[in-house]
């Protein structure tokens, strides 16, 4: 069983090297949505929040990473995740929602079309689609 941890900005320099490969994999899947170093800078500055799903304590066995971003419009956006088991994030999204609600934000999720069924089961509704031509 994994536990959810929000990594404090003060710990980001120590934690980032442990998760950088997982974040790089997630960025690769996301395409050109992020510039090189953008997420690392934003996580270290506190403009984005790093979440870890880990076993055995705080950081010993990291099973997945996720990134959220808060917008002035009142939304906390779950925008990136990587890990060994995607269901881990569907199990932990309630914890992220709770954190967002404590900050006064509603949640939105940016993800693949295949997440539709699981997100609908958690009460999410699709509000937009992105089409890309290369």
N, C-alpha and C. Protein backbone atom coordinates (compact mmCIF):
# COMPACT_ATOMS: atom_id res chain seq x y z
N UNK A 1 0.84 -1.18 0.00
CA UNK A 1 0.00 0.00 0.00
C UNK A 1 0.89 1.25 0.00
N UNK A 2 0.52 2.20 -0.82
CA UNK A 2 1.29 3.43 -0.88
C UNK A 2 0.60 4.54 -0.08
N UNK A 3 1.40 5.51 0.31
CA UNK A 3 0.91 6.68 1.03
C UNK A 3 1.21 7.91 0.20
N UNK A 4 0.38 8.93 0.31
CA UNK A 4 0.53 10.16 -0.45
C UNK A 4 1.31 11.18 0.37
N UNK A 5 2.29 11.82 -0.28
CA UNK A 5 3.07 12.87 0.36
C UNK A 5 3.15 14.08 -0.56
N UNK A 6 2.87 15.25 0.00
CA UNK A 6 3.12 16.51 -0.71
C UNK A 6 4.53 16.94 -0.30
N UNK A 7 5.41 17.10 -1.27
CA UNK A 7 6.79 17.45 -0.96
C UNK A 7 6.88 18.96 -0.71
N UNK A 8 7.31 19.36 0.48
CA UNK A 8 7.46 20.79 0.76
C UNK A 8 8.56 21.41 -0.11
N UNK A 9 8.37 22.67 -0.46
CA UNK A 9 9.34 23.39 -1.28
C UNK A 9 10.74 23.30 -0.66
N UNK A 10 10.82 23.35 0.66
CA UNK A 10 12.12 23.31 1.35
C UNK A 10 12.87 22.00 1.14
N UNK A 11 12.16 20.93 0.79
CA UNK A 11 12.78 19.62 0.59
C UNK A 11 13.02 19.29 -0.88
N UNK A 12 12.62 20.18 -1.77
CA UNK A 12 12.65 19.88 -3.20
C UNK A 12 14.06 19.62 -3.73
N UNK A 13 15.06 20.35 -3.29
CA UNK A 13 16.42 20.13 -3.78
C UNK A 13 16.91 18.72 -3.46
N UNK A 14 16.52 18.18 -2.32
CA UNK A 14 16.92 16.82 -1.94
C UNK A 14 16.10 15.75 -2.65
N UNK A 15 14.82 16.03 -2.88
CA UNK A 15 13.91 15.03 -3.43
C UNK A 15 13.97 14.97 -4.96
N UNK A 16 14.15 16.11 -5.61
CA UNK A 16 14.06 16.14 -7.07
C UNK A 16 14.97 15.11 -7.76
N UNK A 17 16.22 14.94 -7.34
CA UNK A 17 17.05 13.93 -8.00
C UNK A 17 16.47 12.51 -7.91
N UNK A 18 15.69 12.23 -6.87
CA UNK A 18 15.08 10.91 -6.71
C UNK A 18 13.95 10.66 -7.69
N UNK A 19 13.35 11.73 -8.19
CA UNK A 19 12.16 11.60 -9.04
C UNK A 19 12.35 12.14 -10.45
N UNK A 20 13.51 12.67 -10.75
CA UNK A 20 13.71 13.35 -12.03
C UNK A 20 13.48 12.42 -13.23
N UNK A 21 13.86 11.16 -13.13
CA UNK A 21 13.65 10.23 -14.26
C UNK A 21 12.16 9.98 -14.49
N UNK A 22 11.41 9.84 -13.41
CA UNK A 22 9.97 9.63 -13.55
C UNK A 22 9.30 10.86 -14.14
N UNK A 23 9.74 12.04 -13.74
CA UNK A 23 9.19 13.27 -14.29
C UNK A 23 9.56 13.39 -15.77
N UNK A 24 10.80 13.04 -16.11
CA UNK A 24 11.22 13.08 -17.52
C UNK A 24 10.36 12.16 -18.38
N UNK A 25 10.01 10.96 -17.85
CA UNK A 25 9.14 10.04 -18.60
C UNK A 25 7.76 10.65 -18.83
N UNK A 26 7.24 11.29 -17.80
CA UNK A 26 5.92 11.91 -17.92
C UNK A 26 5.95 13.07 -18.91
N UNK A 27 7.03 13.84 -18.91
CA UNK A 27 7.17 14.96 -19.85
C UNK A 27 7.24 14.42 -21.28
N UNK A 28 7.94 13.31 -21.46
CA UNK A 28 8.05 12.70 -22.79
C UNK A 28 6.67 12.34 -23.34
N UNK A 29 5.82 11.78 -22.49
CA UNK A 29 4.47 11.41 -22.90
C UNK A 29 3.63 12.66 -23.19
N UNK A 30 3.86 13.73 -22.41
CA UNK A 30 3.09 14.97 -22.58
C UNK A 30 3.47 15.73 -23.84
N UNK A 31 4.56 15.36 -24.47
CA UNK A 31 4.98 16.04 -25.68
C UNK A 31 5.67 17.36 -25.38
N UNK A 32 5.41 18.34 -26.20
CA UNK A 32 6.11 19.61 -26.07
C UNK A 32 5.40 20.60 -25.14
N UNK A 33 4.62 20.09 -24.24
CA UNK A 33 3.86 20.96 -23.34
C UNK A 33 4.75 21.69 -22.33
N UNK A 34 5.92 21.15 -22.04
CA UNK A 34 6.80 21.73 -21.03
C UNK A 34 8.18 21.97 -21.64
N UNK A 35 8.79 23.11 -21.29
CA UNK A 35 10.14 23.37 -21.75
C UNK A 35 11.14 22.71 -20.80
N UNK A 36 12.35 22.50 -21.28
CA UNK A 36 13.38 21.86 -20.47
C UNK A 36 13.63 22.67 -19.20
N UNK A 37 13.57 22.02 -18.09
CA UNK A 37 13.83 22.66 -16.81
C UNK A 37 12.65 23.41 -16.20
N UNK A 38 11.58 23.56 -16.96
CA UNK A 38 10.43 24.34 -16.47
C UNK A 38 9.81 23.73 -15.22
N UNK A 39 9.55 22.43 -15.23
CA UNK A 39 8.92 21.81 -14.06
C UNK A 39 9.85 21.85 -12.85
N UNK A 40 11.11 21.57 -13.07
CA UNK A 40 12.06 21.61 -11.94
C UNK A 40 12.08 23.00 -11.31
N UNK A 41 12.17 24.03 -12.14
CA UNK A 41 12.17 25.42 -11.62
C UNK A 41 10.87 25.72 -10.87
N UNK A 42 9.74 25.34 -11.47
CA UNK A 42 8.46 25.64 -10.85
C UNK A 42 8.25 24.86 -9.55
N UNK A 43 8.71 23.62 -9.49
CA UNK A 43 8.59 22.84 -8.27
C UNK A 43 9.47 23.43 -7.17
N UNK A 44 10.69 23.80 -7.51
CA UNK A 44 11.61 24.35 -6.51
C UNK A 44 11.19 25.73 -6.04
N UNK A 45 10.48 26.47 -6.88
CA UNK A 45 10.03 27.81 -6.49
C UNK A 45 8.67 27.78 -5.79
N UNK A 46 7.98 26.63 -5.83
CA UNK A 46 6.67 26.53 -5.21
C UNK A 46 5.51 26.89 -6.14
N UNK A 47 5.78 27.10 -7.42
CA UNK A 47 4.70 27.41 -8.37
C UNK A 47 3.93 26.16 -8.79
N UNK A 48 4.52 25.01 -8.57
CA UNK A 48 3.84 23.74 -8.77
C UNK A 48 4.10 22.88 -7.53
N UNK A 49 3.23 21.90 -7.31
CA UNK A 49 3.36 21.02 -6.14
C UNK A 49 3.70 19.61 -6.60
N UNK A 50 4.71 19.02 -5.99
CA UNK A 50 5.10 17.64 -6.27
C UNK A 50 4.44 16.73 -5.25
N UNK A 51 3.83 15.66 -5.77
CA UNK A 51 3.18 14.65 -4.94
C UNK A 51 3.90 13.33 -5.16
N UNK A 52 4.08 12.56 -4.09
CA UNK A 52 4.70 11.24 -4.19
C UNK A 52 3.77 10.20 -3.63
N UNK A 53 3.71 9.07 -4.30
CA UNK A 53 3.08 7.87 -3.75
C UNK A 53 4.24 6.96 -3.38
N UNK A 54 4.37 6.67 -2.09
CA UNK A 54 5.55 5.92 -1.63
C UNK A 54 5.15 4.85 -0.63
N UNK A 55 5.98 3.84 -0.56
CA UNK A 55 5.81 2.76 0.42
C UNK A 55 6.94 2.87 1.45
N UNK A 56 6.67 2.38 2.65
CA UNK A 56 7.73 2.24 3.64
C UNK A 56 8.24 3.54 4.23
N UNK A 57 7.40 4.53 4.38
CA UNK A 57 7.86 5.78 4.97
C UNK A 57 7.76 6.91 3.98
N UNK A 58 8.52 7.95 4.22
CA UNK A 58 8.34 9.15 3.42
C UNK A 58 8.87 9.00 1.99
N UNK A 59 10.17 8.78 1.79
CA UNK A 59 10.69 8.72 0.43
C UNK A 59 11.43 7.44 0.05
N UNK A 60 11.49 6.43 0.89
CA UNK A 60 12.34 5.28 0.54
C UNK A 60 11.96 4.55 -0.74
N UNK A 61 10.71 4.26 -0.94
CA UNK A 61 10.30 3.50 -2.12
C UNK A 61 9.22 4.28 -2.86
N UNK A 62 9.66 5.19 -3.72
CA UNK A 62 8.73 6.02 -4.46
C UNK A 62 8.13 5.19 -5.60
N UNK A 63 6.83 5.09 -5.62
CA UNK A 63 6.13 4.32 -6.64
C UNK A 63 5.54 5.18 -7.74
N UNK A 64 5.43 6.47 -7.50
CA UNK A 64 4.88 7.35 -8.51
C UNK A 64 5.02 8.80 -8.11
N UNK A 65 4.98 9.66 -9.11
CA UNK A 65 5.05 11.10 -8.87
C UNK A 65 3.89 11.76 -9.63
N UNK A 66 3.45 12.89 -9.11
CA UNK A 66 2.43 13.69 -9.78
C UNK A 66 2.74 15.15 -9.53
N UNK A 67 2.27 15.98 -10.44
CA UNK A 67 2.48 17.42 -10.33
C UNK A 67 1.14 18.12 -10.45
N UNK A 68 0.90 19.06 -9.54
CA UNK A 68 -0.30 19.89 -9.63
C UNK A 68 0.13 21.35 -9.74
N UNK A 69 -0.76 22.15 -10.27
CA UNK A 69 -0.52 23.57 -10.41
C UNK A 69 -1.79 24.31 -10.03
N UNK A 70 -1.64 25.38 -9.28
CA UNK A 70 -2.79 26.16 -8.84
C UNK A 70 -2.90 27.41 -9.71
N UNK A 71 -4.11 27.70 -10.15
CA UNK A 71 -4.37 28.86 -11.00
C UNK A 71 -5.19 29.90 -10.24
N UNK A 72 -4.99 31.15 -10.57
CA UNK A 72 -5.73 32.25 -9.94
C UNK A 72 -7.23 32.13 -10.16
N UNK A 73 -7.62 31.40 -11.20
CA UNK A 73 -9.04 31.23 -11.50
C UNK A 73 -9.75 30.34 -10.48
N UNK A 74 -8.99 29.75 -9.54
CA UNK A 74 -9.61 28.95 -8.49
C UNK A 74 -9.53 27.46 -8.70
N UNK A 75 -8.64 27.01 -9.60
CA UNK A 75 -8.50 25.59 -9.86
C UNK A 75 -7.12 25.08 -9.49
N UNK A 76 -7.11 23.88 -8.96
CA UNK A 76 -5.87 23.12 -8.78
C UNK A 76 -5.90 22.07 -9.88
N UNK A 77 -4.93 22.12 -10.76
CA UNK A 77 -4.91 21.23 -11.92
C UNK A 77 -3.91 20.09 -11.71
N UNK A 78 -4.41 18.88 -11.77
CA UNK A 78 -3.58 17.67 -11.76
C UNK A 78 -3.10 17.52 -13.19
N UNK A 79 -1.82 17.84 -13.44
CA UNK A 79 -1.39 17.98 -14.83
C UNK A 79 -0.39 16.95 -15.31
N UNK A 80 0.18 16.16 -14.44
CA UNK A 80 1.22 15.24 -14.87
C UNK A 80 1.37 14.14 -13.85
N UNK A 81 1.51 12.90 -14.31
CA UNK A 81 1.81 11.83 -13.36
C UNK A 81 2.63 10.75 -14.05
N UNK A 82 3.35 10.02 -13.26
CA UNK A 82 4.19 8.94 -13.75
C UNK A 82 4.33 7.94 -12.63
N UNK A 83 4.48 6.69 -12.99
CA UNK A 83 4.66 5.69 -11.95
C UNK A 83 4.45 4.30 -12.48
N UNK A 84 4.48 3.37 -11.56
CA UNK A 84 4.39 1.97 -11.92
C UNK A 84 2.96 1.49 -12.09
N UNK A 85 2.02 2.21 -11.50
CA UNK A 85 0.64 1.76 -11.50
C UNK A 85 -0.28 2.98 -11.49
N UNK A 86 -0.92 3.25 -12.60
CA UNK A 86 -1.77 4.43 -12.70
C UNK A 86 -2.90 4.41 -11.67
N UNK A 87 -3.37 3.24 -11.31
CA UNK A 87 -4.43 3.16 -10.31
C UNK A 87 -4.01 3.79 -8.99
N UNK A 88 -2.70 3.83 -8.73
CA UNK A 88 -2.20 4.49 -7.53
C UNK A 88 -2.73 5.92 -7.46
N UNK A 89 -2.70 6.63 -8.59
CA UNK A 89 -3.15 8.03 -8.58
C UNK A 89 -4.65 8.14 -8.44
N UNK A 90 -5.39 7.20 -8.99
CA UNK A 90 -6.83 7.25 -8.81
C UNK A 90 -7.19 6.95 -7.35
N UNK A 91 -6.37 6.15 -6.68
CA UNK A 91 -6.57 5.90 -5.25
C UNK A 91 -6.24 7.13 -4.41
N UNK A 92 -5.25 7.92 -4.84
CA UNK A 92 -4.78 9.06 -4.05
C UNK A 92 -5.37 10.40 -4.46
N UNK A 93 -6.12 10.45 -5.53
CA UNK A 93 -6.63 11.75 -5.97
C UNK A 93 -7.52 12.40 -4.92
N UNK A 94 -8.18 11.60 -4.10
CA UNK A 94 -9.00 12.16 -3.02
C UNK A 94 -8.15 13.00 -2.06
N UNK A 95 -6.93 12.54 -1.77
CA UNK A 95 -6.04 13.29 -0.89
C UNK A 95 -5.62 14.61 -1.50
N UNK A 96 -5.36 14.60 -2.80
CA UNK A 96 -5.00 15.84 -3.49
C UNK A 96 -6.20 16.78 -3.53
N UNK A 97 -7.39 16.22 -3.76
CA UNK A 97 -8.61 17.03 -3.75
C UNK A 97 -8.80 17.70 -2.38
N UNK A 98 -8.55 16.95 -1.32
CA UNK A 98 -8.68 17.49 0.04
C UNK A 98 -7.72 18.65 0.27
N UNK A 99 -6.48 18.47 -0.17
CA UNK A 99 -5.48 19.54 -0.06
C UNK A 99 -5.94 20.77 -0.83
N UNK A 100 -6.43 20.57 -2.06
CA UNK A 100 -6.89 21.69 -2.88
C UNK A 100 -8.06 22.41 -2.20
N UNK A 101 -9.00 21.65 -1.66
CA UNK A 101 -10.15 22.25 -0.99
C UNK A 101 -9.71 23.08 0.22
N UNK A 102 -8.72 22.59 0.97
CA UNK A 102 -8.20 23.35 2.11
C UNK A 102 -7.61 24.69 1.66
N UNK A 103 -7.08 24.73 0.44
CA UNK A 103 -6.50 25.97 -0.11
C UNK A 103 -7.56 26.84 -0.78
N UNK A 104 -8.80 26.32 -0.87
CA UNK A 104 -9.89 27.06 -1.49
C UNK A 104 -10.02 26.85 -2.99
N UNK A 105 -9.50 25.73 -3.49
CA UNK A 105 -9.52 25.47 -4.93
C UNK A 105 -10.38 24.27 -5.29
N UNK A 106 -10.96 24.32 -6.48
CA UNK A 106 -11.63 23.16 -7.08
C UNK A 106 -10.57 22.39 -7.86
N UNK A 107 -10.86 21.15 -8.20
CA UNK A 107 -9.91 20.32 -8.93
C UNK A 107 -10.29 20.19 -10.39
N UNK A 108 -9.27 20.11 -11.23
CA UNK A 108 -9.45 19.68 -12.61
C UNK A 108 -8.26 18.79 -12.95
N UNK A 109 -8.49 17.87 -13.86
CA UNK A 109 -7.48 16.89 -14.24
C UNK A 109 -7.23 16.97 -15.74
N UNK A 110 -5.96 17.04 -16.10
CA UNK A 110 -5.56 16.96 -17.50
C UNK A 110 -4.96 15.58 -17.67
N UNK A 111 -5.53 14.79 -18.57
CA UNK A 111 -5.04 13.42 -18.73
C UNK A 111 -5.46 12.82 -20.04
N UNK A 112 -5.15 11.57 -20.19
CA UNK A 112 -5.47 10.85 -21.42
C UNK A 112 -6.94 10.49 -21.48
N UNK A 113 -7.42 10.28 -22.70
CA UNK A 113 -8.82 9.90 -22.88
C UNK A 113 -9.16 8.61 -22.14
N UNK A 114 -8.20 7.73 -21.99
CA UNK A 114 -8.43 6.46 -21.30
C UNK A 114 -8.75 6.61 -19.82
N UNK A 115 -8.53 7.78 -19.26
CA UNK A 115 -8.84 8.03 -17.85
C UNK A 115 -10.32 8.35 -17.64
N UNK A 116 -11.03 8.57 -18.71
CA UNK A 116 -12.41 9.05 -18.66
C UNK A 116 -13.29 8.26 -17.69
N UNK A 117 -13.32 6.96 -17.82
CA UNK A 117 -14.21 6.13 -17.00
C UNK A 117 -13.89 6.27 -15.51
N UNK A 118 -12.61 6.21 -15.18
CA UNK A 118 -12.22 6.29 -13.77
C UNK A 118 -12.49 7.68 -13.20
N UNK A 119 -12.26 8.72 -13.99
CA UNK A 119 -12.51 10.07 -13.49
C UNK A 119 -14.01 10.34 -13.34
N UNK A 120 -14.80 9.85 -14.28
CA UNK A 120 -16.25 10.01 -14.15
C UNK A 120 -16.76 9.32 -12.89
N UNK A 121 -16.18 8.17 -12.55
CA UNK A 121 -16.58 7.45 -11.34
C UNK A 121 -16.25 8.26 -10.08
N UNK A 122 -15.32 9.18 -10.18
CA UNK A 122 -14.96 10.04 -9.05
C UNK A 122 -15.67 11.39 -9.10
N UNK A 123 -16.60 11.54 -10.05
CA UNK A 123 -17.40 12.75 -10.11
C UNK A 123 -16.90 13.82 -11.07
N UNK A 124 -15.88 13.54 -11.84
CA UNK A 124 -15.36 14.51 -12.80
C UNK A 124 -16.17 14.46 -14.10
N UNK A 125 -16.25 15.62 -14.76
CA UNK A 125 -16.93 15.73 -16.06
C UNK A 125 -15.96 16.35 -17.05
N UNK A 126 -15.96 15.87 -18.29
CA UNK A 126 -15.09 16.50 -19.29
C UNK A 126 -15.59 17.91 -19.63
N UNK A 127 -14.65 18.85 -19.74
CA UNK A 127 -15.04 20.23 -20.05
C UNK A 127 -14.36 20.76 -21.30
N UNK A 128 -13.39 20.04 -21.83
CA UNK A 128 -12.69 20.50 -23.05
C UNK A 128 -11.95 19.32 -23.67
N UNK A 129 -11.60 19.51 -24.93
CA UNK A 129 -10.77 18.54 -25.66
C UNK A 129 -9.64 19.33 -26.28
N UNK A 130 -8.53 18.69 -26.49
CA UNK A 130 -7.40 19.32 -27.17
C UNK A 130 -7.13 18.54 -28.45
N UNK A 131 -7.11 19.24 -29.56
CA UNK A 131 -6.77 18.61 -30.83
C UNK A 131 -5.43 19.19 -31.26
N UNK A 132 -4.59 18.34 -31.80
CA UNK A 132 -3.26 18.79 -32.22
C UNK A 132 -2.99 18.29 -33.63
N UNK A 133 -2.38 19.13 -34.42
CA UNK A 133 -1.93 18.76 -35.75
C UNK A 133 -0.45 19.10 -35.83
N UNK A 134 0.33 18.11 -36.25
CA UNK A 134 1.78 18.32 -36.34
C UNK A 134 2.23 18.28 -37.77
